[in-house]
Amino acid sequence: MADSSLMDQTFHYVLSTMVERGFAPHYTEVARALSVPPEEGKKVLHELMGTGIPCWFHPGTDFIASFAPLNNLPTQYRITVEGRQKWFAQCGFEALAVCWLFPGRTVTVEAPCLDCGELIRLDVRDGVVEKAEPEGIFGYIDIPRKDWRKNLPYS
């Protein structure tokens, strides 16, 4: 197993790269950032993804599909910061956590209600909801918490 420092560096690199450019790095980019050979970059990335944090590869590949709170594939949870919509949240609840990646800036989350299809919009800055449309919205997950890990993309 990779040492914790290398795992921490990998975590930081993946998340900061996604914040900067809106999509995840390939394991060869991870390797270059860590100054290790590509196979070592792939190995440490797989080890990190296997730690139980809410992240996963696209099935059957080495491509990062999701790395909480962001998703590398488009989802209905569109994230806009300073007029730029280039991020997608992993899920509705992780969408709220995205604000911590952009301290001091307003993060706008837009998504359709999965029940009625109407647009939901939240403006969040540093953990405080500045605006919610419609007012009084709330979130729920229609699956027991104990079953979330069985299918994270669905949960």
N, C-alpha and C. Protein backbone atom coordinates (compact mmCIF):
# COMPACT_ATOMS: atom_id res chain seq x y z
N MET A 1 0.85 -1.19 0.00
CA MET A 1 0.00 0.00 0.00
C MET A 1 0.89 1.25 0.00
N ALA A 2 0.46 2.26 -0.74
CA ALA A 2 1.20 3.52 -0.81
C ALA A 2 1.20 4.20 0.55
N ASP A 3 2.26 4.96 0.82
CA ASP A 3 2.29 5.65 2.12
C ASP A 3 1.24 6.76 2.14
N SER A 4 0.86 7.15 3.36
CA SER A 4 -0.25 8.10 3.50
C SER A 4 0.07 9.45 2.86
N SER A 5 1.32 9.85 2.85
CA SER A 5 1.69 11.12 2.23
C SER A 5 1.39 11.10 0.73
N LEU A 6 1.73 9.98 0.09
CA LEU A 6 1.47 9.85 -1.35
C LEU A 6 -0.03 9.81 -1.63
N MET A 7 -0.77 9.14 -0.76
CA MET A 7 -2.23 9.10 -0.91
C MET A 7 -2.82 10.50 -0.74
N ASP A 8 -2.33 11.24 0.27
CA ASP A 8 -2.80 12.62 0.49
C ASP A 8 -2.50 13.50 -0.72
N GLN A 9 -1.30 13.37 -1.26
CA GLN A 9 -0.93 14.16 -2.44
C GLN A 9 -1.82 13.82 -3.63
N THR A 10 -2.12 12.55 -3.78
CA THR A 10 -2.98 12.10 -4.88
C THR A 10 -4.38 12.68 -4.72
N PHE A 11 -4.93 12.57 -3.52
CA PHE A 11 -6.26 13.13 -3.24
C PHE A 11 -6.28 14.61 -3.58
N HIS A 12 -5.29 15.34 -3.07
CA HIS A 12 -5.24 16.79 -3.29
C HIS A 12 -5.12 17.10 -4.79
N TYR A 13 -4.26 16.37 -5.49
CA TYR A 13 -4.06 16.64 -6.91
C TYR A 13 -5.35 16.40 -7.71
N VAL A 14 -6.00 15.28 -7.46
CA VAL A 14 -7.23 14.97 -8.20
C VAL A 14 -8.28 16.04 -7.96
N LEU A 15 -8.53 16.36 -6.70
CA LEU A 15 -9.59 17.32 -6.39
C LEU A 15 -9.24 18.72 -6.88
N SER A 16 -8.01 19.16 -6.67
CA SER A 16 -7.64 20.52 -7.12
C SER A 16 -7.65 20.61 -8.64
N THR A 17 -7.30 19.54 -9.33
CA THR A 17 -7.35 19.55 -10.79
C THR A 17 -8.80 19.65 -11.27
N MET A 18 -9.69 18.92 -10.63
CA MET A 18 -11.10 19.00 -11.01
C MET A 18 -11.66 20.40 -10.75
N VAL A 19 -11.27 21.02 -9.66
CA VAL A 19 -11.72 22.38 -9.36
C VAL A 19 -11.20 23.34 -10.42
N GLU A 20 -9.92 23.20 -10.76
CA GLU A 20 -9.29 24.12 -11.71
C GLU A 20 -9.87 24.03 -13.12
N ARG A 21 -10.03 22.83 -13.62
CA ARG A 21 -10.40 22.71 -15.03
C ARG A 21 -11.76 22.08 -15.30
N GLY A 22 -12.40 21.55 -14.26
CA GLY A 22 -13.75 21.01 -14.43
C GLY A 22 -13.82 19.54 -14.77
N PHE A 23 -12.71 18.87 -14.91
CA PHE A 23 -12.70 17.43 -15.18
C PHE A 23 -11.48 16.79 -14.53
N ALA A 24 -11.58 15.49 -14.31
CA ALA A 24 -10.56 14.76 -13.55
C ALA A 24 -9.31 14.46 -14.39
N PRO A 25 -8.19 14.30 -13.71
CA PRO A 25 -6.97 13.92 -14.42
C PRO A 25 -6.94 12.42 -14.73
N HIS A 26 -6.15 12.06 -15.71
CA HIS A 26 -5.87 10.66 -16.02
C HIS A 26 -4.75 10.20 -15.09
N TYR A 27 -4.62 8.90 -14.88
CA TYR A 27 -3.58 8.43 -13.96
C TYR A 27 -2.17 8.81 -14.41
N THR A 28 -1.96 9.01 -15.71
CA THR A 28 -0.63 9.45 -16.17
C THR A 28 -0.34 10.87 -15.69
N GLU A 29 -1.37 11.70 -15.61
CA GLU A 29 -1.19 13.05 -15.07
C GLU A 29 -0.92 13.00 -13.57
N VAL A 30 -1.60 12.09 -12.89
CA VAL A 30 -1.36 11.90 -11.45
C VAL A 30 0.09 11.49 -11.26
N ALA A 31 0.56 10.54 -12.06
CA ALA A 31 1.95 10.08 -11.95
C ALA A 31 2.93 11.22 -12.17
N ARG A 32 2.69 12.02 -13.18
CA ARG A 32 3.58 13.15 -13.47
C ARG A 32 3.60 14.13 -12.30
N ALA A 33 2.44 14.40 -11.72
CA ALA A 33 2.36 15.34 -10.59
C ALA A 33 3.09 14.79 -9.36
N LEU A 34 3.10 13.47 -9.21
CA LEU A 34 3.76 12.84 -8.06
C LEU A 34 5.22 12.49 -8.34
N SER A 35 5.65 12.71 -9.58
CA SER A 35 7.02 12.36 -10.01
C SER A 35 7.29 10.86 -9.84
N VAL A 36 6.32 10.06 -10.30
CA VAL A 36 6.47 8.60 -10.27
C VAL A 36 6.14 8.07 -11.66
N PRO A 37 6.55 6.82 -11.95
CA PRO A 37 6.20 6.24 -13.25
C PRO A 37 4.68 6.07 -13.40
N PRO A 38 4.18 6.02 -14.63
CA PRO A 38 2.73 5.89 -14.84
C PRO A 38 2.09 4.71 -14.10
N GLU A 39 2.73 3.56 -14.09
CA GLU A 39 2.14 2.40 -13.39
C GLU A 39 1.99 2.68 -11.90
N GLU A 40 2.94 3.40 -11.31
CA GLU A 40 2.84 3.75 -9.89
C GLU A 40 1.70 4.75 -9.67
N GLY A 41 1.55 5.69 -10.60
CA GLY A 41 0.43 6.64 -10.52
C GLY A 41 -0.91 5.92 -10.58
N LYS A 42 -1.01 4.95 -11.47
CA LYS A 42 -2.23 4.16 -11.59
C LYS A 42 -2.48 3.37 -10.31
N LYS A 43 -1.43 2.78 -9.77
CA LYS A 43 -1.56 1.97 -8.55
C LYS A 43 -2.03 2.81 -7.37
N VAL A 44 -1.41 3.97 -7.16
CA VAL A 44 -1.80 4.79 -6.01
C VAL A 44 -3.21 5.34 -6.19
N LEU A 45 -3.59 5.66 -7.42
CA LEU A 45 -4.95 6.14 -7.67
C LEU A 45 -5.96 5.03 -7.35
N HIS A 46 -5.67 3.82 -7.77
CA HIS A 46 -6.56 2.69 -7.46
C HIS A 46 -6.63 2.45 -5.95
N GLU A 47 -5.51 2.58 -5.26
CA GLU A 47 -5.51 2.40 -3.80
C GLU A 47 -6.35 3.48 -3.13
N LEU A 48 -6.20 4.72 -3.59
CA LEU A 48 -6.99 5.82 -3.03
C LEU A 48 -8.48 5.56 -3.25
N MET A 49 -8.84 5.15 -4.45
CA MET A 49 -10.25 4.90 -4.75
C MET A 49 -10.80 3.73 -3.94
N GLY A 50 -9.93 2.86 -3.47
CA GLY A 50 -10.35 1.71 -2.69
C GLY A 50 -10.43 1.94 -1.20
N THR A 51 -10.19 3.17 -0.75
CA THR A 51 -10.18 3.46 0.69
C THR A 51 -11.56 3.61 1.29
N GLY A 52 -12.57 3.72 0.47
CA GLY A 52 -13.93 3.89 1.01
C GLY A 52 -14.46 5.30 0.88
N ILE A 53 -13.62 6.24 0.39
CA ILE A 53 -14.15 7.58 0.17
C ILE A 53 -15.14 7.50 -1.00
N PRO A 54 -16.11 8.40 -1.06
CA PRO A 54 -17.12 8.31 -2.12
C PRO A 54 -16.59 8.74 -3.49
N CYS A 55 -15.89 7.81 -4.12
CA CYS A 55 -15.35 8.04 -5.45
C CYS A 55 -15.27 6.70 -6.16
N TRP A 56 -15.25 6.74 -7.49
CA TRP A 56 -15.19 5.48 -8.23
C TRP A 56 -14.72 5.74 -9.65
N PHE A 57 -14.25 4.66 -10.28
CA PHE A 57 -13.86 4.68 -11.69
C PHE A 57 -15.08 4.35 -12.55
N HIS A 58 -15.01 4.78 -13.80
CA HIS A 58 -16.01 4.31 -14.76
C HIS A 58 -15.79 2.80 -14.86
N PRO A 59 -16.85 2.00 -14.82
CA PRO A 59 -16.69 0.54 -14.79
C PRO A 59 -15.77 0.00 -15.89
N GLY A 60 -14.85 -0.84 -15.48
CA GLY A 60 -13.95 -1.50 -16.41
C GLY A 60 -12.83 -0.63 -16.95
N THR A 61 -12.63 0.56 -16.36
CA THR A 61 -11.60 1.47 -16.86
C THR A 61 -10.76 2.01 -15.70
N ASP A 62 -9.78 2.81 -16.06
CA ASP A 62 -8.98 3.56 -15.09
C ASP A 62 -9.36 5.03 -15.10
N PHE A 63 -10.51 5.36 -15.68
CA PHE A 63 -10.97 6.74 -15.77
C PHE A 63 -11.81 7.09 -14.55
N ILE A 64 -11.47 8.19 -13.90
CA ILE A 64 -12.23 8.64 -12.74
C ILE A 64 -13.62 9.07 -13.21
N ALA A 65 -14.64 8.44 -12.66
CA ALA A 65 -16.02 8.82 -12.98
C ALA A 65 -16.52 9.85 -11.98
N SER A 66 -16.15 9.66 -10.72
CA SER A 66 -16.64 10.55 -9.68
C SER A 66 -15.63 10.64 -8.55
N PHE A 67 -15.50 11.83 -8.00
CA PHE A 67 -14.57 12.09 -6.90
C PHE A 67 -15.24 13.17 -6.06
N ALA A 68 -15.87 12.74 -4.98
CA ALA A 68 -16.72 13.62 -4.17
C ALA A 68 -16.00 14.91 -3.78
N PRO A 69 -16.73 16.00 -3.89
CA PRO A 69 -18.16 16.12 -4.19
C PRO A 69 -18.46 16.29 -5.68
N LEU A 70 -17.43 16.21 -6.53
CA LEU A 70 -17.63 16.46 -7.95
C LEU A 70 -17.78 15.17 -8.74
N ASN A 71 -18.44 15.28 -9.88
CA ASN A 71 -18.60 14.15 -10.79
C ASN A 71 -17.88 14.48 -12.08
N ASN A 72 -17.20 13.53 -12.65
CA ASN A 72 -16.47 13.75 -13.88
C ASN A 72 -17.36 13.60 -15.11
N LEU A 73 -18.49 12.94 -14.94
CA LEU A 73 -19.47 12.81 -16.01
C LEU A 73 -20.62 13.77 -15.73
N PRO A 74 -21.24 14.31 -16.76
CA PRO A 74 -22.36 15.22 -16.51
C PRO A 74 -23.47 14.55 -15.70
N THR A 75 -23.98 15.30 -14.74
CA THR A 75 -25.14 14.87 -13.96
C THR A 75 -26.17 15.99 -14.05
N GLN A 76 -27.31 15.77 -13.45
CA GLN A 76 -28.33 16.83 -13.44
C GLN A 76 -27.97 17.95 -12.48
N TYR A 77 -26.92 17.78 -11.66
CA TYR A 77 -26.54 18.78 -10.66
C TYR A 77 -25.44 19.68 -11.24
N ARG A 78 -25.86 20.72 -11.94
CA ARG A 78 -24.93 21.65 -12.59
C ARG A 78 -24.42 22.67 -11.59
N ILE A 79 -23.11 22.87 -11.60
CA ILE A 79 -22.46 23.80 -10.67
C ILE A 79 -21.89 24.96 -11.47
N THR A 80 -22.24 26.18 -11.04
CA THR A 80 -21.74 27.39 -11.67
C THR A 80 -21.06 28.24 -10.62
N VAL A 81 -19.87 28.74 -10.96
CA VAL A 81 -19.12 29.64 -10.08
C VAL A 81 -18.66 30.82 -10.92
N GLU A 82 -19.00 32.02 -10.48
CA GLU A 82 -18.61 33.25 -11.18
C GLU A 82 -18.96 33.19 -12.67
N GLY A 83 -20.17 32.72 -12.96
CA GLY A 83 -20.65 32.68 -14.34
C GLY A 83 -20.13 31.54 -15.18
N ARG A 84 -19.30 30.68 -14.62
CA ARG A 84 -18.74 29.55 -15.38
C ARG A 84 -19.39 28.25 -14.91
N GLN A 85 -20.07 27.57 -15.82
CA GLN A 85 -20.67 26.28 -15.50
C GLN A 85 -19.81 25.21 -16.14
N LYS A 86 -18.86 24.69 -15.35
CA LYS A 86 -18.00 23.63 -15.88
C LYS A 86 -17.86 22.46 -14.93
N TRP A 87 -18.68 22.42 -13.89
CA TRP A 87 -18.62 21.33 -12.91
C TRP A 87 -19.99 20.68 -12.78
N PHE A 88 -19.94 19.44 -12.31
CA PHE A 88 -21.16 18.70 -11.98
C PHE A 88 -20.96 18.07 -10.62
N ALA A 89 -21.99 18.11 -9.80
CA ALA A 89 -21.90 17.49 -8.47
C ALA A 89 -22.24 16.01 -8.58
N GLN A 90 -21.69 15.27 -7.63
CA GLN A 90 -21.91 13.83 -7.58
C GLN A 90 -23.38 13.51 -7.30
N CYS A 91 -23.99 14.27 -6.42
CA CYS A 91 -25.40 14.05 -6.06
C CYS A 91 -25.93 15.36 -5.46
N GLY A 92 -27.20 15.37 -5.14
CA GLY A 92 -27.81 16.57 -4.59
C GLY A 92 -27.20 17.01 -3.27
N PHE A 93 -26.87 16.06 -2.42
CA PHE A 93 -26.28 16.43 -1.13
C PHE A 93 -24.82 16.86 -1.29
N GLU A 94 -24.07 16.18 -2.14
CA GLU A 94 -22.69 16.60 -2.39
C GLU A 94 -22.65 17.97 -3.08
N ALA A 95 -23.71 18.31 -3.81
CA ALA A 95 -23.77 19.63 -4.44
C ALA A 95 -23.61 20.74 -3.41
N LEU A 96 -24.16 20.52 -2.22
CA LEU A 96 -24.02 21.52 -1.16
C LEU A 96 -22.59 21.61 -0.66
N ALA A 97 -21.86 20.50 -0.70
CA ALA A 97 -20.47 20.48 -0.23
C ALA A 97 -19.52 21.16 -1.20
N VAL A 98 -19.93 21.33 -2.44
CA VAL A 98 -19.05 21.95 -3.44
C VAL A 98 -18.62 23.35 -3.00
N CYS A 99 -19.45 24.04 -2.23
CA CYS A 99 -19.11 25.41 -1.82
C CYS A 99 -17.78 25.47 -1.06
N TRP A 100 -17.39 24.39 -0.39
CA TRP A 100 -16.13 24.40 0.36
C TRP A 100 -14.92 24.36 -0.56
N LEU A 101 -15.11 24.02 -1.82
CA LEU A 101 -14.01 24.03 -2.79
C LEU A 101 -13.77 25.43 -3.35
N PHE A 102 -14.71 26.34 -3.11
CA PHE A 102 -14.65 27.70 -3.65
C PHE A 102 -14.88 28.70 -2.52
N PRO A 103 -13.98 28.76 -1.55
CA PRO A 103 -14.20 29.64 -0.39
C PRO A 103 -14.37 31.10 -0.79
N GLY A 104 -15.35 31.74 -0.16
CA GLY A 104 -15.60 33.16 -0.40
C GLY A 104 -16.35 33.46 -1.68
N ARG A 105 -16.71 32.43 -2.44
CA ARG A 105 -17.41 32.63 -3.71
C ARG A 105 -18.78 31.97 -3.66
N THR A 106 -19.71 32.55 -4.36
CA THR A 106 -21.05 31.96 -4.44
C THR A 106 -21.05 30.84 -5.46
N VAL A 107 -21.54 29.70 -5.02
CA VAL A 107 -21.68 28.52 -5.87
C VAL A 107 -23.17 28.35 -6.16
N THR A 108 -23.52 28.30 -7.43
CA THR A 108 -24.91 28.09 -7.83
C THR A 108 -25.09 26.64 -8.24
N VAL A 109 -26.08 26.01 -7.64
CA VAL A 109 -26.44 24.63 -7.97
C VAL A 109 -27.79 24.68 -8.66
N GLU A 110 -27.87 24.11 -9.85
CA GLU A 110 -29.14 24.03 -10.57
C GLU A 110 -29.39 22.58 -10.94
N ALA A 111 -30.60 22.13 -10.67
CA ALA A 111 -30.97 20.75 -10.98
C ALA A 111 -32.48 20.66 -11.09
N PRO A 112 -32.96 19.73 -11.91
CA PRO A 112 -34.40 19.51 -11.94
C PRO A 112 -34.82 18.69 -10.73
N CYS A 113 -36.00 18.97 -10.23
CA CYS A 113 -36.58 18.12 -9.19
C CYS A 113 -36.80 16.75 -9.83
N LEU A 114 -36.34 15.71 -9.18
CA LEU A 114 -36.47 14.37 -9.76
C LEU A 114 -37.88 13.82 -9.62
N ASP A 115 -38.75 14.55 -8.91
CA ASP A 115 -40.14 14.13 -8.78
C ASP A 115 -41.02 14.82 -9.83
N CYS A 116 -40.91 16.16 -9.93
CA CYS A 116 -41.80 16.90 -10.83
C CYS A 116 -41.10 17.50 -12.04
N GLY A 117 -39.76 17.56 -12.03
CA GLY A 117 -39.02 18.10 -13.16
C GLY A 117 -38.80 19.60 -13.13
N GLU A 118 -39.40 20.30 -12.17
CA GLU A 118 -39.21 21.75 -12.08
C GLU A 118 -37.77 22.07 -11.67
N LEU A 119 -37.26 23.22 -12.12
CA LEU A 119 -35.90 23.62 -11.81
C LEU A 119 -35.76 24.02 -10.34
N ILE A 120 -34.72 23.53 -9.72
CA ILE A 120 -34.34 23.91 -8.36
C ILE A 120 -33.03 24.67 -8.48
N ARG A 121 -32.91 25.75 -7.73
CA ARG A 121 -31.68 26.54 -7.77
C ARG A 121 -31.31 26.96 -6.36
N LEU A 122 -30.04 26.77 -6.04
CA LEU A 122 -29.50 27.20 -4.75
C LEU A 122 -28.25 28.02 -4.99
N ASP A 123 -28.11 29.11 -4.27
CA ASP A 123 -26.87 29.87 -4.23
C ASP A 123 -26.30 29.67 -2.84
N VAL A 124 -25.08 29.12 -2.77
CA VAL A 124 -24.46 28.80 -1.49
C VAL A 124 -23.08 29.42 -1.43
N ARG A 125 -22.77 30.08 -0.31
CA ARG A 125 -21.43 30.65 -0.11
C ARG A 125 -20.96 30.24 1.28
N ASP A 126 -19.81 29.58 1.33
CA ASP A 126 -19.19 29.19 2.60
C ASP A 126 -20.17 28.47 3.53
N GLY A 127 -20.99 27.59 2.97
CA GLY A 127 -21.90 26.79 3.77
C GLY A 127 -23.23 27.44 4.11
N VAL A 128 -23.43 28.67 3.66
CA VAL A 128 -24.68 29.38 3.94
C VAL A 128 -25.49 29.49 2.66
N VAL A 129 -26.74 29.04 2.71
CA VAL A 129 -27.63 29.17 1.55
C VAL A 129 -28.05 30.62 1.47
N GLU A 130 -27.65 31.29 0.39
CA GLU A 130 -27.99 32.70 0.18
C GLU A 130 -29.35 32.86 -0.49
N LYS A 131 -29.68 31.88 -1.34
CA LYS A 131 -30.94 31.96 -2.07
C LYS A 131 -31.36 30.54 -2.44
N ALA A 132 -32.65 30.27 -2.33
CA ALA A 132 -33.20 28.97 -2.72
C ALA A 132 -34.47 29.19 -3.52
N GLU A 133 -34.54 28.58 -4.68
CA GLU A 133 -35.73 28.67 -5.53
C GLU A 133 -36.16 27.26 -5.91
N PRO A 134 -37.35 26.85 -5.61
CA PRO A 134 -38.36 27.57 -4.83
C PRO A 134 -38.00 27.57 -3.35
N GLU A 135 -38.61 28.49 -2.62
CA GLU A 135 -38.38 28.55 -1.18
C GLU A 135 -38.91 27.28 -0.53
N GLY A 136 -38.27 26.89 0.56
CA GLY A 136 -38.74 25.74 1.33
C GLY A 136 -38.40 24.38 0.74
N ILE A 137 -37.50 24.34 -0.23
CA ILE A 137 -37.15 23.05 -0.81
C ILE A 137 -36.41 22.19 0.22
N PHE A 138 -36.44 20.91 0.01
CA PHE A 138 -35.72 19.99 0.88
C PHE A 138 -35.26 18.81 0.05
N GLY A 139 -34.33 18.04 0.60
CA GLY A 139 -33.82 16.88 -0.12
C GLY A 139 -34.14 15.59 0.60
N TYR A 140 -34.20 14.53 -0.15
CA TYR A 140 -34.39 13.21 0.44
C TYR A 140 -33.77 12.17 -0.49
N ILE A 141 -33.48 11.03 0.07
CA ILE A 141 -32.97 9.91 -0.71
C ILE A 141 -33.94 8.76 -0.49
N ASP A 142 -34.42 8.22 -1.56
CA ASP A 142 -35.43 7.16 -1.48
C ASP A 142 -34.79 5.77 -1.41
N ILE A 143 -33.78 5.65 -0.57
CA ILE A 143 -33.10 4.37 -0.36
C ILE A 143 -32.52 4.41 1.06
N PRO A 144 -32.64 3.34 1.82
CA PRO A 144 -32.11 3.36 3.19
C PRO A 144 -30.61 3.63 3.22
N ARG A 145 -30.17 4.41 4.20
CA ARG A 145 -28.75 4.78 4.34
C ARG A 145 -27.85 3.55 4.33
N LYS A 146 -28.27 2.48 4.97
CA LYS A 146 -27.45 1.27 5.05
C LYS A 146 -27.19 0.66 3.67
N ASP A 147 -27.99 1.02 2.68
CA ASP A 147 -27.84 0.45 1.34
C ASP A 147 -27.10 1.37 0.36
N TRP A 148 -26.67 2.55 0.80
CA TRP A 148 -26.03 3.50 -0.11
C TRP A 148 -24.80 2.92 -0.79
N ARG A 149 -23.92 2.26 -0.03
CA ARG A 149 -22.65 1.78 -0.58
C ARG A 149 -22.85 0.69 -1.65
N LYS A 150 -24.00 0.06 -1.66
CA LYS A 150 -24.24 -1.00 -2.65
C LYS A 150 -24.28 -0.44 -4.06
N ASN A 151 -24.69 0.83 -4.20
CA ASN A 151 -24.79 1.46 -5.51
C ASN A 151 -24.67 2.97 -5.35
N LEU A 152 -23.44 3.43 -5.09
CA LEU A 152 -23.23 4.86 -4.85
C LEU A 152 -23.74 5.76 -5.97
N PRO A 153 -23.52 5.43 -7.23
CA PRO A 153 -24.03 6.34 -8.26
C PRO A 153 -25.54 6.54 -8.19
N TYR A 154 -26.28 5.52 -7.78
CA TYR A 154 -27.73 5.66 -7.66
C TYR A 154 -28.12 6.38 -6.39
N SER A 155 -27.41 6.12 -5.31
CA SER A 155 -27.75 6.72 -4.02
C SER A 155 -27.53 8.19 -4.05
